[in-house]
Amino acid sequence: MKQFVLIMAFISFGFVQAQEIEFENLTIDYGTIAKGSDGNRLFVFTNTGSSSLTINKVTSSCGCTIPKKPSAPIAPGEKGEIQVRYDTNRMGPFRKTITVSSDAKTNAIVALKIKGTVE
């Protein structure tokens, strides 16, 4: 019986202290843009959990895309941003993936996408 109570306490504590991440959009479409134009975009997310959320790592599928993660943890209910800069001096269509790794409990790894065409 003591083990059951102890296990239930751990489970309850885990649910109370959960971090969750929810992105407003998983894909940003640049559309057709001019060569050398502004390649900066933001992926906005919310910590929908009950404890602080830390973005551990953000990587891109190509050196032409530079992501930047928040430096501080995101408090419960607060919004955060993943900044992405695509090199718009590269002509033609593009599709890139940005992988976000966090301490969220259910979706610790999220794949974000950017796409468009540089003319």
N, C-alpha and C. Protein backbone atom coordinates (compact mmCIF):
# COMPACT_ATOMS: atom_id res chain seq x y z
N MET A 1 0.82 -1.19 0.00
CA MET A 1 0.00 0.00 0.00
C MET A 1 0.87 1.26 0.00
N LYS A 2 1.94 1.24 0.79
CA LYS A 2 2.84 2.39 0.83
C LYS A 2 3.46 2.65 -0.54
N GLN A 3 3.81 1.56 -1.24
CA GLN A 3 4.39 1.72 -2.58
C GLN A 3 3.38 2.36 -3.53
N PHE A 4 2.13 1.94 -3.45
CA PHE A 4 1.08 2.50 -4.31
C PHE A 4 0.93 4.01 -4.07
N VAL A 5 0.88 4.42 -2.81
CA VAL A 5 0.74 5.83 -2.47
C VAL A 5 1.96 6.60 -2.97
N LEU A 6 3.13 6.04 -2.80
CA LEU A 6 4.36 6.69 -3.26
C LEU A 6 4.37 6.84 -4.78
N ILE A 7 3.97 5.80 -5.49
CA ILE A 7 3.90 5.86 -6.95
C ILE A 7 2.90 6.91 -7.39
N MET A 8 1.72 6.95 -6.77
CA MET A 8 0.70 7.94 -7.13
C MET A 8 1.20 9.36 -6.85
N ALA A 9 1.96 9.55 -5.78
CA ALA A 9 2.51 10.87 -5.48
C ALA A 9 3.48 11.31 -6.56
N PHE A 10 4.33 10.39 -7.03
CA PHE A 10 5.27 10.72 -8.11
C PHE A 10 4.53 11.04 -9.40
N ILE A 11 3.50 10.26 -9.71
CA ILE A 11 2.72 10.51 -10.93
C ILE A 11 2.03 11.86 -10.85
N SER A 12 1.42 12.15 -9.72
CA SER A 12 0.74 13.44 -9.54
C SER A 12 1.72 14.59 -9.66
N PHE A 13 2.88 14.46 -9.04
CA PHE A 13 3.88 15.51 -9.11
C PHE A 13 4.32 15.72 -10.55
N GLY A 14 4.48 14.65 -11.30
CA GLY A 14 4.87 14.75 -12.71
C GLY A 14 3.85 15.52 -13.52
N PHE A 15 2.57 15.30 -13.27
CA PHE A 15 1.54 16.02 -14.03
C PHE A 15 1.48 17.49 -13.63
N VAL A 16 1.71 17.78 -12.38
CA VAL A 16 1.64 19.15 -11.91
C VAL A 16 2.81 19.97 -12.45
N GLN A 17 3.96 19.37 -12.60
CA GLN A 17 5.16 20.07 -13.01
C GLN A 17 5.49 19.89 -14.49
N ALA A 18 4.50 19.70 -15.33
CA ALA A 18 4.75 19.42 -16.75
C ALA A 18 5.02 20.70 -17.53
N GLN A 19 5.96 20.59 -18.48
CA GLN A 19 6.21 21.66 -19.42
C GLN A 19 5.60 21.25 -20.75
N GLU A 20 4.97 22.17 -21.43
CA GLU A 20 4.38 21.90 -22.74
C GLU A 20 4.69 23.08 -23.65
N ILE A 21 4.86 22.79 -24.93
CA ILE A 21 5.15 23.83 -25.91
C ILE A 21 4.13 23.73 -27.04
N GLU A 22 3.57 24.88 -27.41
CA GLU A 22 2.58 24.93 -28.48
C GLU A 22 2.94 26.08 -29.42
N PHE A 23 3.23 25.74 -30.68
CA PHE A 23 3.59 26.75 -31.68
C PHE A 23 2.36 27.29 -32.37
N GLU A 24 2.37 28.59 -32.67
CA GLU A 24 1.26 29.21 -33.42
C GLU A 24 1.22 28.66 -34.85
N ASN A 25 2.39 28.45 -35.46
CA ASN A 25 2.51 27.89 -36.81
C ASN A 25 3.71 26.98 -36.85
N LEU A 26 3.58 25.87 -37.55
CA LEU A 26 4.70 24.96 -37.73
C LEU A 26 5.43 25.21 -39.05
N THR A 27 4.81 26.01 -39.93
CA THR A 27 5.41 26.34 -41.23
C THR A 27 5.28 27.83 -41.48
N ILE A 28 6.36 28.41 -41.98
CA ILE A 28 6.32 29.80 -42.45
C ILE A 28 6.60 29.78 -43.94
N ASP A 29 5.68 30.35 -44.70
CA ASP A 29 5.83 30.44 -46.15
C ASP A 29 6.28 31.87 -46.49
N TYR A 30 7.49 31.99 -46.97
CA TYR A 30 8.02 33.29 -47.37
C TYR A 30 7.35 33.79 -48.64
N GLY A 31 6.74 32.88 -49.39
CA GLY A 31 6.18 33.25 -50.68
C GLY A 31 7.32 33.48 -51.66
N THR A 32 7.08 34.35 -52.64
CA THR A 32 8.12 34.74 -53.59
C THR A 32 8.72 36.06 -53.13
N ILE A 33 10.02 36.04 -52.88
CA ILE A 33 10.70 37.23 -52.37
C ILE A 33 11.88 37.58 -53.26
N ALA A 34 12.29 38.83 -53.20
CA ALA A 34 13.41 39.31 -54.03
C ALA A 34 14.75 38.89 -53.41
N LYS A 35 15.72 38.68 -54.27
CA LYS A 35 17.07 38.37 -53.83
C LYS A 35 17.56 39.50 -52.93
N GLY A 36 18.17 39.14 -51.81
CA GLY A 36 18.71 40.12 -50.88
C GLY A 36 17.69 40.75 -49.95
N SER A 37 16.43 40.32 -50.02
CA SER A 37 15.41 40.89 -49.14
C SER A 37 15.53 40.33 -47.72
N ASP A 38 14.71 40.84 -46.83
CA ASP A 38 14.75 40.45 -45.42
C ASP A 38 14.38 38.97 -45.27
N GLY A 39 15.29 38.18 -44.75
CA GLY A 39 15.06 36.74 -44.58
C GLY A 39 14.73 36.35 -43.15
N ASN A 40 14.50 37.33 -42.28
CA ASN A 40 14.21 37.06 -40.87
C ASN A 40 12.73 36.78 -40.65
N ARG A 41 12.43 35.73 -39.90
CA ARG A 41 11.07 35.38 -39.54
C ARG A 41 11.07 34.87 -38.10
N LEU A 42 9.87 34.82 -37.48
CA LEU A 42 9.72 34.35 -36.10
C LEU A 42 8.70 33.23 -36.01
N PHE A 43 9.06 32.19 -35.29
CA PHE A 43 8.11 31.16 -34.89
C PHE A 43 7.76 31.47 -33.44
N VAL A 44 6.49 31.76 -33.18
CA VAL A 44 6.04 32.11 -31.83
C VAL A 44 5.44 30.87 -31.17
N PHE A 45 5.79 30.65 -29.91
CA PHE A 45 5.25 29.52 -29.17
C PHE A 45 4.80 29.97 -27.79
N THR A 46 3.99 29.14 -27.15
CA THR A 46 3.51 29.39 -25.80
C THR A 46 3.86 28.20 -24.92
N ASN A 47 4.28 28.48 -23.70
CA ASN A 47 4.47 27.43 -22.71
C ASN A 47 3.10 27.18 -22.09
N THR A 48 2.43 26.12 -22.50
CA THR A 48 1.09 25.80 -22.01
C THR A 48 1.13 24.89 -20.79
N GLY A 49 2.32 24.63 -20.27
CA GLY A 49 2.48 23.78 -19.10
C GLY A 49 2.39 24.56 -17.80
N SER A 50 2.74 23.88 -16.73
CA SER A 50 2.62 24.48 -15.40
C SER A 50 3.97 24.79 -14.75
N SER A 51 5.06 24.60 -15.50
CA SER A 51 6.38 24.98 -14.99
C SER A 51 7.20 25.55 -16.14
N SER A 52 8.32 26.16 -15.81
CA SER A 52 9.16 26.81 -16.82
C SER A 52 9.61 25.84 -17.89
N LEU A 53 9.68 26.34 -19.12
CA LEU A 53 10.07 25.56 -20.29
C LEU A 53 11.42 26.07 -20.79
N THR A 54 12.34 25.16 -21.03
CA THR A 54 13.66 25.53 -21.54
C THR A 54 13.84 24.97 -22.95
N ILE A 55 14.23 25.84 -23.88
CA ILE A 55 14.59 25.40 -25.22
C ILE A 55 16.06 25.02 -25.15
N ASN A 56 16.35 23.74 -25.32
CA ASN A 56 17.72 23.24 -25.16
C ASN A 56 18.59 23.50 -26.38
N LYS A 57 18.02 23.26 -27.57
CA LYS A 57 18.81 23.34 -28.80
C LYS A 57 17.89 23.61 -29.98
N VAL A 58 18.38 24.40 -30.94
CA VAL A 58 17.67 24.66 -32.18
C VAL A 58 18.68 24.50 -33.31
N THR A 59 18.37 23.61 -34.27
CA THR A 59 19.28 23.38 -35.39
C THR A 59 18.51 23.49 -36.70
N SER A 60 19.25 23.74 -37.78
CA SER A 60 18.62 23.82 -39.10
C SER A 60 19.21 22.73 -40.00
N SER A 61 18.48 22.46 -41.07
CA SER A 61 18.90 21.41 -42.00
C SER A 61 19.95 21.89 -42.98
N CYS A 62 20.32 23.18 -42.91
CA CYS A 62 21.24 23.75 -43.89
C CYS A 62 21.95 24.95 -43.27
N GLY A 63 23.16 25.21 -43.70
CA GLY A 63 23.89 26.38 -43.22
C GLY A 63 23.33 27.70 -43.72
N CYS A 64 22.42 27.66 -44.68
CA CYS A 64 21.81 28.87 -45.22
C CYS A 64 20.68 29.38 -44.32
N THR A 65 20.34 28.61 -43.30
CA THR A 65 19.27 28.97 -42.37
C THR A 65 19.86 29.02 -40.97
N ILE A 66 19.76 30.18 -40.33
CA ILE A 66 20.35 30.34 -39.01
C ILE A 66 19.24 30.58 -37.99
N PRO A 67 19.00 29.59 -37.10
CA PRO A 67 17.99 29.77 -36.06
C PRO A 67 18.61 30.29 -34.76
N LYS A 68 17.79 30.94 -33.95
CA LYS A 68 18.25 31.44 -32.66
C LYS A 68 17.17 31.14 -31.63
N LYS A 69 17.58 30.54 -30.52
CA LYS A 69 16.64 30.16 -29.47
C LYS A 69 16.62 31.20 -28.36
N PRO A 70 15.56 31.19 -27.55
CA PRO A 70 15.53 32.09 -26.39
C PRO A 70 16.62 31.69 -25.40
N SER A 71 17.23 32.66 -24.75
CA SER A 71 18.32 32.36 -23.82
C SER A 71 17.81 32.01 -22.43
N ALA A 72 16.62 32.47 -22.08
CA ALA A 72 16.08 32.22 -20.74
C ALA A 72 14.89 31.27 -20.82
N PRO A 73 14.60 30.56 -19.73
CA PRO A 73 13.40 29.72 -19.70
C PRO A 73 12.13 30.55 -19.88
N ILE A 74 11.10 29.91 -20.41
CA ILE A 74 9.82 30.57 -20.64
C ILE A 74 8.87 30.14 -19.52
N ALA A 75 8.31 31.12 -18.82
CA ALA A 75 7.42 30.84 -17.70
C ALA A 75 6.08 30.27 -18.19
N PRO A 76 5.36 29.56 -17.33
CA PRO A 76 4.06 29.03 -17.72
C PRO A 76 3.13 30.14 -18.22
N GLY A 77 2.47 29.89 -19.34
CA GLY A 77 1.54 30.86 -19.91
C GLY A 77 2.20 31.94 -20.75
N GLU A 78 3.51 32.02 -20.73
CA GLU A 78 4.23 33.06 -21.48
C GLU A 78 4.55 32.60 -22.89
N LYS A 79 4.81 33.58 -23.76
CA LYS A 79 5.19 33.31 -25.14
C LYS A 79 6.70 33.44 -25.30
N GLY A 80 7.22 32.72 -26.28
CA GLY A 80 8.63 32.81 -26.63
C GLY A 80 8.75 32.80 -28.14
N GLU A 81 9.97 33.02 -28.65
CA GLU A 81 10.19 33.09 -30.09
C GLU A 81 11.44 32.31 -30.49
N ILE A 82 11.33 31.64 -31.62
CA ILE A 82 12.48 31.06 -32.30
C ILE A 82 12.71 31.94 -33.51
N GLN A 83 13.85 32.62 -33.56
CA GLN A 83 14.17 33.47 -34.70
C GLN A 83 14.85 32.64 -35.77
N VAL A 84 14.47 32.89 -37.02
CA VAL A 84 15.06 32.17 -38.15
C VAL A 84 15.48 33.20 -39.20
N ARG A 85 16.72 33.05 -39.70
CA ARG A 85 17.19 33.92 -40.78
C ARG A 85 17.62 33.05 -41.95
N TYR A 86 16.93 33.24 -43.09
CA TYR A 86 17.30 32.51 -44.31
C TYR A 86 18.13 33.43 -45.18
N ASP A 87 19.17 32.90 -45.81
CA ASP A 87 20.05 33.66 -46.70
C ASP A 87 19.34 33.88 -48.04
N THR A 88 18.78 35.06 -48.22
CA THR A 88 18.01 35.36 -49.43
C THR A 88 18.88 35.72 -50.63
N ASN A 89 20.17 35.54 -50.52
CA ASN A 89 21.04 35.72 -51.69
C ASN A 89 21.14 34.42 -52.50
N ARG A 90 20.52 33.38 -52.04
CA ARG A 90 20.46 32.10 -52.76
C ARG A 90 19.19 32.08 -53.58
N MET A 91 19.35 32.05 -54.88
CA MET A 91 18.20 32.11 -55.79
C MET A 91 17.52 30.74 -55.90
N GLY A 92 16.19 30.78 -56.14
CA GLY A 92 15.42 29.57 -56.38
C GLY A 92 14.53 29.19 -55.22
N PRO A 93 13.82 28.07 -55.39
CA PRO A 93 12.93 27.61 -54.32
C PRO A 93 13.72 27.01 -53.16
N PHE A 94 13.13 27.08 -51.98
CA PHE A 94 13.77 26.48 -50.80
C PHE A 94 12.72 25.88 -49.88
N ARG A 95 13.13 24.83 -49.20
CA ARG A 95 12.35 24.16 -48.15
C ARG A 95 13.36 23.70 -47.11
N LYS A 96 13.27 24.24 -45.93
CA LYS A 96 14.23 23.93 -44.87
C LYS A 96 13.49 23.53 -43.59
N THR A 97 14.17 22.75 -42.78
CA THR A 97 13.61 22.29 -41.51
C THR A 97 14.44 22.83 -40.36
N ILE A 98 13.76 23.31 -39.33
CA ILE A 98 14.39 23.77 -38.11
C ILE A 98 13.91 22.83 -37.00
N THR A 99 14.83 22.19 -36.31
CA THR A 99 14.47 21.24 -35.26
C THR A 99 14.66 21.89 -33.90
N VAL A 100 13.59 21.88 -33.11
CA VAL A 100 13.60 22.50 -31.78
C VAL A 100 13.55 21.39 -30.73
N SER A 101 14.52 21.42 -29.84
CA SER A 101 14.59 20.45 -28.75
C SER A 101 14.39 21.20 -27.43
N SER A 102 13.42 20.73 -26.63
CA SER A 102 13.12 21.39 -25.36
C SER A 102 12.93 20.35 -24.26
N ASP A 103 12.63 20.83 -23.06
CA ASP A 103 12.33 19.90 -21.96
C ASP A 103 10.83 19.67 -21.81
N ALA A 104 10.06 19.93 -22.87
CA ALA A 104 8.62 19.65 -22.84
C ALA A 104 8.40 18.16 -22.64
N LYS A 105 7.33 17.80 -21.97
CA LYS A 105 7.09 16.40 -21.63
C LYS A 105 6.53 15.59 -22.79
N THR A 106 5.64 16.14 -23.61
CA THR A 106 5.01 15.32 -24.65
C THR A 106 5.56 15.57 -26.05
N ASN A 107 6.05 16.74 -26.33
CA ASN A 107 6.59 17.02 -27.67
C ASN A 107 7.94 17.71 -27.52
N ALA A 108 8.91 16.99 -26.99
CA ALA A 108 10.22 17.55 -26.69
C ALA A 108 11.00 17.93 -27.95
N ILE A 109 10.67 17.30 -29.08
CA ILE A 109 11.32 17.64 -30.35
C ILE A 109 10.23 18.03 -31.35
N VAL A 110 10.36 19.24 -31.90
CA VAL A 110 9.38 19.76 -32.86
C VAL A 110 10.12 20.15 -34.13
N ALA A 111 9.57 19.75 -35.27
CA ALA A 111 10.15 20.13 -36.58
C ALA A 111 9.34 21.30 -37.13
N LEU A 112 10.03 22.42 -37.34
CA LEU A 112 9.43 23.60 -37.97
C LEU A 112 9.91 23.67 -39.42
N LYS A 113 9.13 24.27 -40.29
CA LYS A 113 9.50 24.35 -41.71
C LYS A 113 9.43 25.78 -42.20
N ILE A 114 10.35 26.12 -43.10
CA ILE A 114 10.26 27.36 -43.86
C ILE A 114 10.31 26.99 -45.34
N LYS A 115 9.64 27.77 -46.14
CA LYS A 115 9.65 27.50 -47.58
C LYS A 115 9.40 28.81 -48.32
N GLY A 116 9.74 28.79 -49.60
CA GLY A 116 9.53 29.97 -50.44
C GLY A 116 10.38 29.89 -51.68
N THR A 117 10.40 31.01 -52.40
CA THR A 117 11.20 31.12 -53.62
C THR A 117 11.87 32.48 -53.64
N VAL A 118 13.17 32.48 -53.90
CA VAL A 118 13.92 33.73 -54.04
C VAL A 118 14.13 33.97 -55.53
N GLU A 119 13.70 35.16 -56.00
CA GLU A 119 13.87 35.52 -57.43
C GLU A 119 14.90 36.63 -57.59
